[in-house]
Amino acid sequence: MPRPSLSLDALRGFPRPVYAVAVGQLVNLFGSGLVYPFATVHFHLAVGISLAVVGVGLLANNVATAAGTVVGGYLADRRGRKPVMVASMALSSVTLAAYALVDTGAQFVAVAAAAGLTLGLYTPASHATVADLTEGGDRDRAFALLKVGNNAGFGAGFVVGGVLYEAAKLSVFVLDGLTCAAVAAVLWYALPRLHEGNADASLRDAVGDWGRALSERRLLALCLLNVGFAVMYAQMQTTVPVVAEAVLGLTSSELGTLYVLNPLVIVLFQLPLVAAVAPWRRTRGLAVSALLWAASVLAVGLVGSVSTTLGIALVGAFLVLRTLGEILHAPLITSLASSLGRAEDRGSQLSLLEVAKRLGFGLGSVVGGAFFDAGLQSLLWPTLAVVCGFLAVGVLLLERRVTPGENGAAAGSQRRRAQ
């Protein structure tokens, strides 16, 4: 049976700091999983904040995350990866726990913005750490390993969060903050100091870093496409939970159990699927990802016109299809972005990709909430499917401007020869 051995092989051979980052991701995303499926439901249905204001809060969160990402990318290049990651987790332990104190829309927006800012520091530093320590096909595998760690923690958080939320709603927000504190401690002891750069660099140097990243037109095009992908991601948090609870009548624990399909599919298929598409150009995998997202949102669009049992099955189909799209999207787009431009500016380059992702999350939250508040939710799903079609075409057009080596083809050829 070659497939299981392929999966096990994909776990081996990384430097120890890569595994440390993956373990940190697992613990951190366990905390996120505690609150993720229930946050929109809690603040909309339990606290009484309108879905539109919740959408504004999520937009503020993502805009602040984008701002934090800009700062985090610069500091990761100039001050080093480790101190940025540790500081981000330590600060986030406070801002995430503050959600437990929210009881008005204004407070929700403020806390969401603060949490986004502190969390935003983390991603470009962690991704740059992995990119620094890997290359070629190993880089794709390493980012896939991070996704496995993310979603193993995420899935466990869904189940535990569903139980805790029904017993003591606010406990999930406090525990989310505590997991960040735990990750800060793990990274402080386990990570070496990498790429400390020039600590005395000026603001002019920072502008130069970002100027080089912004001058790479192919990277800008990839970031624009990432905005569209992130709009799809946002629906899993903003609109689909509302469909599951308001239309299908699922309880919070039932919703959390159903959402386990997302991390379960990733844990089972992330590494084997990324290994299977290693011979492909990364843009081809991204095009397939967009088509899988299109199929997933069309499945949700049918929920209101079928029986409850079939509706639950359709939400499950959404989770499986969008997760397969996520499996391809996350490591391939990060690896492709890491290959464009200079390695010395990698933190700034990856922060730009993360900014695009966060803007897409915010845009997707606002647009989804607006469709629902206007009573036009039936039009949301075909609209999103059309956007997915444009994304597939866009990545294939970008392929013409990316060399085969940058696009992963050389790494795939080397792996085939080694086999």
Protein backbone atom coordinates (compact mmCIF):
# COMPACT_ATOMS: atom_id res chain seq x y z
CA MET A 1 0.00 0.00 0.00
CA PRO A 2 2.10 2.96 -1.21
CA ARG A 3 -0.20 5.73 -0.06
CA PRO A 4 0.28 5.34 3.71
CA SER A 5 4.06 5.10 3.32
CA LEU A 6 4.00 8.22 1.17
CA SER A 7 2.22 10.05 3.97
CA LEU A 8 4.71 8.85 6.60
CA ASP A 9 7.67 9.76 4.40
CA ALA A 10 6.25 13.25 4.03
CA LEU A 11 6.52 13.73 7.81
CA ARG A 12 10.24 13.01 7.95
CA GLY A 13 13.44 14.87 7.26
CA PHE A 14 12.74 18.41 8.46
CA PRO A 15 15.00 20.44 10.76
CA ARG A 16 13.82 20.46 14.37
CA PRO A 17 12.65 24.11 14.32
CA VAL A 18 10.13 23.21 11.59
CA TYR A 19 8.60 20.62 13.92
CA ALA A 20 8.59 23.18 16.75
CA VAL A 21 6.63 25.61 14.58
CA ALA A 22 4.20 22.82 13.63
CA VAL A 23 3.60 21.90 17.29
CA GLY A 24 3.04 25.56 18.10
CA GLN A 25 0.52 25.77 15.28
CA LEU A 26 -1.31 22.71 16.64
CA VAL A 27 -1.67 24.21 20.12
CA ASN A 28 -2.59 27.67 18.83
CA LEU A 29 -5.21 26.36 16.42
CA PHE A 30 -6.70 24.18 19.15
CA GLY A 31 -7.54 27.48 20.84
CA SER A 32 -8.93 28.92 17.62
CA GLY A 33 -11.05 25.80 17.12
CA LEU A 34 -12.61 26.32 20.54
CA VAL A 35 -14.29 29.51 19.32
CA TYR A 36 -14.30 29.43 15.50
CA PRO A 37 -17.68 27.81 14.71
CA PHE A 38 -19.42 29.53 17.61
CA ALA A 39 -18.11 33.10 17.52
CA THR A 40 -20.56 34.42 14.92
CA VAL A 41 -23.44 32.52 16.50
CA HIS A 42 -22.52 33.73 20.02
CA PHE A 43 -22.19 37.41 19.26
CA HIS A 44 -25.17 37.49 16.89
CA LEU A 45 -27.67 35.21 18.62
CA ALA A 46 -26.54 35.21 22.27
CA VAL A 47 -25.18 38.75 22.72
CA GLY A 48 -27.62 40.30 20.23
CA ILE A 49 -25.21 42.05 17.86
CA SER A 50 -26.58 42.33 14.33
CA LEU A 51 -24.95 40.12 11.70
CA ALA A 52 -23.94 43.22 9.75
CA VAL A 53 -22.08 44.64 12.78
CA VAL A 54 -20.48 41.24 13.36
CA GLY A 55 -19.33 41.44 9.75
CA VAL A 56 -17.87 44.90 10.40
CA GLY A 57 -16.05 43.51 13.43
CA LEU A 58 -14.62 40.68 11.37
CA LEU A 59 -13.59 43.22 8.72
CA ALA A 60 -11.86 45.28 11.43
CA ASN A 61 -10.17 42.11 12.65
CA ASN A 62 -8.84 41.31 9.21
CA VAL A 63 -7.76 44.87 8.41
CA ALA A 64 -5.91 44.99 11.74
CA THR A 65 -4.41 41.58 11.02
CA ALA A 66 -3.21 42.91 7.69
CA ALA A 67 -1.60 45.90 9.46
CA GLY A 68 0.01 43.59 12.00
CA THR A 69 1.24 41.41 9.17
CA VAL A 70 2.98 44.39 7.53
CA VAL A 71 4.77 45.16 10.79
CA GLY A 72 5.46 41.49 11.49
CA GLY A 73 6.98 40.91 8.06
CA TYR A 74 9.31 43.88 8.43
CA LEU A 75 10.34 42.96 11.99
CA ALA A 76 10.89 39.32 10.98
CA ASP A 77 13.41 40.47 8.36
CA ARG A 78 15.06 43.10 10.56
CA ARG A 79 14.82 41.78 14.13
CA GLY A 80 14.60 38.04 13.58
CA ARG A 81 11.84 35.46 13.30
CA LYS A 82 11.78 34.17 16.90
CA PRO A 83 11.21 37.39 18.87
CA VAL A 84 8.34 38.39 16.56
CA MET A 85 6.61 35.02 16.94
CA VAL A 86 6.99 34.95 20.73
CA ALA A 87 5.78 38.55 21.13
CA SER A 88 2.77 37.91 18.89
CA MET A 89 1.61 34.92 20.93
CA ALA A 90 2.20 36.64 24.28
CA LEU A 91 0.17 39.71 23.27
CA SER A 92 -2.57 37.59 21.68
CA SER A 93 -3.09 35.70 24.94
CA VAL A 94 -4.53 38.97 26.31
CA THR A 95 -6.45 40.24 23.27
CA LEU A 96 -8.17 36.92 22.55
CA ALA A 97 -9.25 36.39 26.16
CA ALA A 98 -10.79 39.90 26.05
CA TYR A 99 -13.59 38.55 23.81
CA ALA A 100 -15.12 37.14 27.01
CA LEU A 101 -15.80 40.72 28.18
CA VAL A 102 -17.69 41.82 25.04
CA ASP A 103 -21.38 42.69 25.36
CA THR A 104 -21.89 45.47 22.76
CA GLY A 105 -21.19 45.87 19.07
CA ALA A 106 -18.64 48.63 19.67
CA GLN A 107 -16.72 46.46 22.11
CA PHE A 108 -16.77 43.57 19.65
CA VAL A 109 -15.27 45.71 16.89
CA ALA A 110 -12.57 47.09 19.23
CA VAL A 111 -11.53 43.71 20.61
CA ALA A 112 -11.61 42.13 17.14
CA ALA A 113 -9.27 44.85 15.86
CA ALA A 114 -6.85 44.43 18.79
CA ALA A 115 -6.78 40.66 18.40
CA GLY A 116 -6.19 40.96 14.67
CA LEU A 117 -3.26 43.31 15.19
CA THR A 118 -1.45 41.04 17.64
CA LEU A 119 -2.09 37.84 15.69
CA GLY A 120 -1.04 39.48 12.44
CA LEU A 121 2.56 39.74 13.62
CA TYR A 122 2.91 35.96 13.68
CA THR A 123 2.26 34.53 10.22
CA PRO A 124 4.99 36.14 8.08
CA ALA A 125 7.60 35.31 10.72
CA SER A 126 6.51 31.67 11.04
CA HIS A 127 6.24 31.16 7.27
CA ALA A 128 9.60 32.83 6.71
CA THR A 129 11.11 30.50 9.33
CA VAL A 130 9.90 27.45 7.43
CA ALA A 131 10.96 28.89 4.07
CA ASP A 132 14.44 29.69 5.46
CA LEU A 133 14.94 26.09 6.54
CA THR A 134 13.58 24.32 3.43
CA GLU A 135 13.74 24.53 -0.33
CA GLY A 136 12.22 23.01 -3.46
CA GLY A 137 9.74 20.19 -2.92
CA ASP A 138 10.60 20.03 0.79
CA ARG A 139 9.16 23.51 1.17
CA ASP A 140 5.79 22.36 -0.19
CA ARG A 141 5.87 19.43 2.24
CA ALA A 142 6.82 21.68 5.15
CA PHE A 143 3.92 24.05 4.56
CA ALA A 144 1.66 21.02 4.21
CA LEU A 145 2.96 19.79 7.59
CA LEU A 146 1.94 23.13 9.12
CA LYS A 147 -1.56 22.64 7.72
CA VAL A 148 -1.72 19.20 9.35
CA GLY A 149 -0.67 20.67 12.69
CA ASN A 150 -3.17 23.52 12.26
CA ASN A 151 -6.07 21.25 11.58
CA ALA A 152 -5.30 18.50 14.06
CA GLY A 153 -5.53 21.23 16.70
CA PHE A 154 -8.48 22.90 14.98
CA GLY A 155 -10.52 19.69 14.88
CA ALA A 156 -9.88 18.87 18.52
CA GLY A 157 -10.88 22.44 19.37
CA PHE A 158 -14.19 22.10 17.48
CA VAL A 159 -15.23 19.09 19.56
CA VAL A 160 -14.04 20.43 22.93
CA GLY A 161 -15.40 23.90 22.15
CA GLY A 162 -18.86 22.55 21.36
CA VAL A 163 -19.08 20.90 24.77
CA LEU A 164 -17.58 23.84 26.68
CA TYR A 165 -19.71 26.43 24.89
CA GLU A 166 -22.93 24.74 25.94
CA ALA A 167 -21.70 24.38 29.54
CA ALA A 168 -20.00 27.79 29.99
CA LYS A 169 -20.06 30.01 26.92
CA LEU A 170 -17.32 32.46 27.92
CA SER A 171 -14.81 29.75 28.87
CA VAL A 172 -13.92 29.11 25.22
CA PHE A 173 -12.62 32.66 24.79
CA VAL A 174 -10.49 32.50 27.94
CA LEU A 175 -8.98 29.16 26.92
CA ASP A 176 -8.24 30.54 23.44
CA GLY A 177 -6.05 33.19 25.08
CA LEU A 178 -4.33 30.62 27.32
CA THR A 179 -3.28 28.51 24.33
CA CYS A 180 -1.43 31.53 22.89
CA ALA A 181 0.46 31.91 26.16
CA ALA A 182 1.44 28.24 25.96
CA VAL A 183 2.69 28.65 22.39
CA ALA A 184 4.78 31.68 23.38
CA ALA A 185 6.51 29.55 26.02
CA VAL A 186 7.11 26.65 23.61
CA LEU A 187 8.62 28.89 20.94
CA TRP A 188 10.80 30.76 23.44
CA TYR A 189 12.51 27.52 24.47
CA ALA A 190 12.42 25.55 21.21
CA LEU A 191 13.29 28.01 18.42
CA PRO A 192 16.79 29.18 17.55
CA ARG A 193 17.29 32.80 16.50
CA LEU A 194 17.05 32.88 12.69
CA HIS A 195 17.73 35.65 10.20
CA GLU A 196 18.23 38.44 12.70
CA GLY A 197 18.98 40.87 9.89
CA ASN A 198 19.97 44.46 10.61
CA ALA A 199 18.45 45.60 13.89
CA ASP A 200 19.60 49.19 13.26
CA ALA A 201 17.75 49.48 9.95
CA SER A 202 15.89 52.74 9.40
CA LEU A 203 12.37 53.48 8.30
CA ARG A 204 13.82 54.16 4.86
CA ASP A 205 15.13 50.59 4.79
CA ALA A 206 11.66 49.32 5.71
CA VAL A 207 10.14 51.29 2.84
CA GLY A 208 12.80 49.79 0.59
CA ASP A 209 11.87 46.24 1.65
CA TRP A 210 8.23 46.86 0.86
CA GLY A 211 9.10 48.75 -2.31
CA ARG A 212 10.91 45.70 -3.66
CA ALA A 213 7.99 43.45 -2.75
CA LEU A 214 5.48 45.83 -4.36
CA SER A 215 7.60 46.11 -7.51
CA GLU A 216 7.29 42.36 -8.14
CA ARG A 217 4.21 42.42 -10.36
CA ARG A 218 3.79 38.66 -10.37
CA LEU A 219 3.64 38.69 -6.57
CA LEU A 220 1.04 41.45 -6.67
CA ALA A 221 -1.05 39.42 -9.11
CA LEU A 222 -0.80 36.39 -6.84
CA CYS A 223 -1.87 38.52 -3.87
CA LEU A 224 -4.89 39.82 -5.77
CA LEU A 225 -5.92 36.24 -6.48
CA ASN A 226 -5.43 35.43 -2.80
CA VAL A 227 -8.01 38.07 -1.90
CA GLY A 228 -10.55 36.08 -3.92
CA PHE A 229 -9.59 32.78 -2.29
CA ALA A 230 -9.93 34.36 1.16
CA VAL A 231 -13.46 35.56 0.35
CA MET A 232 -14.32 31.84 0.01
CA TYR A 233 -12.61 30.98 3.30
CA ALA A 234 -14.64 33.64 5.15
CA GLN A 235 -17.96 31.94 4.43
CA MET A 236 -17.10 28.99 6.65
CA GLN A 237 -17.02 31.31 9.66
CA THR A 238 -19.57 33.98 8.72
CA THR A 239 -22.48 32.58 6.73
CA VAL A 240 -22.41 28.77 6.72
CA PRO A 241 -22.80 28.46 10.54
CA VAL A 242 -25.89 30.69 10.31
CA VAL A 243 -27.32 28.44 7.59
CA ALA A 244 -26.62 25.36 9.72
CA GLU A 245 -28.27 26.74 12.86
CA ALA A 246 -31.05 28.99 11.49
CA VAL A 247 -32.12 26.86 8.51
CA LEU A 248 -31.27 23.33 9.68
CA GLY A 249 -31.73 23.86 13.43
CA LEU A 250 -28.37 22.39 14.48
CA THR A 251 -27.19 22.97 18.05
CA SER A 252 -23.73 24.36 18.81
CA SER A 253 -22.37 20.92 19.74
CA GLU A 254 -23.85 19.39 16.56
CA LEU A 255 -22.32 22.18 14.48
CA GLY A 256 -18.94 21.69 16.15
CA THR A 257 -19.07 17.95 15.49
CA LEU A 258 -20.01 18.50 11.84
CA TYR A 259 -17.20 21.03 11.40
CA VAL A 260 -14.70 18.34 12.45
CA LEU A 261 -14.94 17.20 8.82
CA ASN A 262 -12.70 20.15 7.87
CA PRO A 263 -9.66 19.26 10.02
CA LEU A 264 -10.27 15.52 9.65
CA VAL A 265 -10.01 15.69 5.86
CA ILE A 266 -6.88 17.83 6.15
CA VAL A 267 -5.17 15.52 8.64
CA LEU A 268 -5.94 12.48 6.45
CA PHE A 269 -5.26 13.92 3.00
CA GLN A 270 -3.03 17.02 3.30
CA LEU A 271 0.37 15.34 3.04
CA PRO A 272 -0.60 12.58 0.57
CA LEU A 273 -2.43 14.98 -1.74
CA VAL A 274 0.37 17.55 -1.78
CA ALA A 275 2.84 14.74 -2.50
CA ALA A 276 0.57 13.44 -5.28
CA VAL A 277 0.49 16.82 -7.06
CA ALA A 278 4.24 17.41 -6.61
CA PRO A 279 4.86 16.88 -10.36
CA TRP A 280 2.31 19.61 -11.17
CA ARG A 281 3.02 23.26 -11.56
CA ARG A 282 1.71 25.05 -8.52
CA THR A 283 -0.66 27.19 -10.57
CA ARG A 284 -2.41 24.04 -11.86
CA GLY A 285 -3.10 22.94 -8.30
CA LEU A 286 -4.46 26.39 -7.48
CA ALA A 287 -6.83 26.23 -10.47
CA VAL A 288 -8.19 22.88 -9.27
CA SER A 289 -8.55 24.39 -5.80
CA ALA A 290 -10.75 27.20 -7.19
CA LEU A 291 -13.02 24.69 -8.93
CA LEU A 292 -13.43 22.69 -5.72
CA TRP A 293 -14.43 25.88 -3.91
CA ALA A 294 -17.03 26.58 -6.62
CA ALA A 295 -18.59 23.15 -6.12
CA SER A 296 -18.64 23.65 -2.34
CA VAL A 297 -20.56 26.95 -2.35
CA LEU A 298 -23.08 25.60 -4.86
CA ALA A 299 -23.76 22.73 -2.43
CA VAL A 300 -24.63 25.24 0.33
CA GLY A 301 -26.93 27.07 -2.07
CA LEU A 302 -29.17 23.98 -2.23
CA VAL A 303 -29.62 23.61 1.55
CA GLY A 304 -32.81 25.67 1.86
CA SER A 305 -34.67 23.70 -0.84
CA VAL A 306 -34.19 20.16 0.50
CA SER A 307 -35.04 18.14 3.60
CA THR A 308 -33.14 18.63 6.85
CA THR A 309 -31.24 15.36 6.48
CA LEU A 310 -30.15 16.16 2.94
CA GLY A 311 -29.36 19.71 4.01
CA ILE A 312 -26.96 18.43 6.66
CA ALA A 313 -25.37 16.20 4.01
CA LEU A 314 -24.94 19.22 1.74
CA VAL A 315 -23.24 21.21 4.50
CA GLY A 316 -20.99 18.19 4.98
CA ALA A 317 -20.28 18.18 1.23
CA PHE A 318 -19.41 21.87 1.44
CA LEU A 319 -16.93 21.15 4.23
CA VAL A 320 -15.26 18.27 2.36
CA LEU A 321 -15.04 20.03 -1.01
CA ARG A 322 -13.82 23.36 0.36
CA THR A 323 -11.29 21.49 2.51
CA LEU A 324 -9.86 19.68 -0.51
CA GLY A 325 -9.55 23.10 -2.14
CA GLU A 326 -7.85 24.42 1.00
CA ILE A 327 -5.41 21.49 1.01
CA LEU A 328 -4.17 22.55 -2.41
CA HIS A 329 -4.41 26.29 -1.94
CA ALA A 330 -2.55 26.98 1.31
CA PRO A 331 0.83 25.29 0.75
CA LEU A 332 1.00 25.90 -2.99
CA ILE A 333 0.30 29.63 -2.91
CA THR A 334 2.72 30.16 -0.01
CA SER A 335 5.47 28.17 -1.73
CA LEU A 336 4.89 30.05 -4.98
CA ALA A 337 5.08 33.41 -3.22
CA SER A 338 8.27 32.30 -1.43
CA SER A 339 9.87 31.61 -4.82
CA LEU A 340 9.23 35.09 -6.22
CA GLY A 341 11.61 37.96 -5.43
CA ARG A 342 14.62 37.93 -3.09
CA ALA A 343 15.12 35.59 -0.15
CA GLU A 344 16.35 38.58 1.90
CA ASP A 345 12.91 40.18 1.58
CA ARG A 346 10.94 37.00 2.21
CA GLY A 347 9.25 38.26 5.36
CA SER A 348 7.92 41.34 3.53
CA GLN A 349 6.86 39.25 0.53
CA LEU A 350 4.94 36.74 2.62
CA SER A 351 3.40 39.51 4.71
CA LEU A 352 2.02 40.99 1.50
CA LEU A 353 0.39 37.65 0.68
CA GLU A 354 -1.07 37.51 4.19
CA VAL A 355 -2.36 41.08 3.91
CA ALA A 356 -4.26 40.05 0.79
CA LYS A 357 -5.66 37.02 2.59
CA ARG A 358 -6.86 39.11 5.52
CA LEU A 359 -8.44 41.72 3.29
CA GLY A 360 -10.28 38.92 1.51
CA PHE A 361 -11.48 37.50 4.84
CA GLY A 362 -12.83 40.90 5.83
CA LEU A 363 -14.43 41.52 2.45
CA GLY A 364 -15.99 38.06 2.46
CA SER A 365 -17.43 38.58 5.94
CA VAL A 366 -18.99 41.93 5.07
CA VAL A 367 -20.36 40.79 1.72
CA GLY A 368 -21.77 37.56 3.16
CA GLY A 369 -23.41 39.39 6.07
CA ALA A 370 -24.85 42.04 3.72
CA PHE A 371 -26.42 39.39 1.46
CA PHE A 372 -28.06 37.74 4.49
CA ASP A 373 -29.28 40.96 6.11
CA ALA A 374 -30.80 42.04 2.77
CA GLY A 375 -32.60 38.69 2.42
CA LEU A 376 -30.59 37.82 -0.71
CA GLN A 377 -28.73 34.81 0.65
CA SER A 378 -29.93 32.62 -2.23
CA LEU A 379 -27.95 34.83 -4.63
CA LEU A 380 -24.74 34.68 -2.58
CA TRP A 381 -23.79 31.13 -3.51
CA PRO A 382 -23.95 31.37 -7.34
CA THR A 383 -22.14 34.72 -7.10
CA LEU A 384 -19.31 33.08 -5.17
CA ALA A 385 -19.17 30.23 -7.70
CA VAL A 386 -18.65 32.75 -10.51
CA VAL A 387 -15.83 34.37 -8.51
CA CYS A 388 -14.20 30.92 -8.24
CA GLY A 389 -14.31 30.58 -12.01
CA PHE A 390 -12.46 33.88 -12.39
CA LEU A 391 -9.86 32.69 -9.86
CA ALA A 392 -9.18 29.52 -11.88
CA VAL A 393 -8.70 31.55 -15.04
CA GLY A 394 -6.53 34.07 -13.21
CA VAL A 395 -4.00 31.56 -11.87
CA LEU A 396 -3.67 29.95 -15.30
CA LEU A 397 -2.95 33.35 -16.84
CA LEU A 398 -0.34 33.99 -14.12
CA GLU A 399 1.34 30.71 -15.06
CA ARG A 400 2.57 32.31 -18.29
CA ARG A 401 4.62 34.84 -16.29
CA VAL A 402 6.20 32.38 -13.83
CA THR A 403 9.21 30.22 -14.68
CA PRO A 404 8.86 26.42 -14.32
CA GLY A 405 11.39 26.45 -11.48
CA GLU A 406 9.50 29.12 -9.54
CA ASN A 407 6.28 27.23 -10.22
CA GLY A 408 7.54 23.99 -8.68
CA ALA A 409 8.04 22.04 -11.90
CA ALA A 410 11.79 21.60 -11.31
CA ALA A 411 11.18 20.23 -7.82
CA GLY A 412 8.63 17.79 -9.20
CA SER A 413 11.06 16.58 -11.86
CA GLN A 414 13.81 16.05 -9.26
CA ARG A 415 11.42 14.05 -7.08
CA ARG A 416 10.39 11.81 -10.01
CA ARG A 417 14.06 11.12 -10.82
CA ALA A 418 14.81 10.33 -7.18
CA GLN A 419 11.94 7.83 -7.13
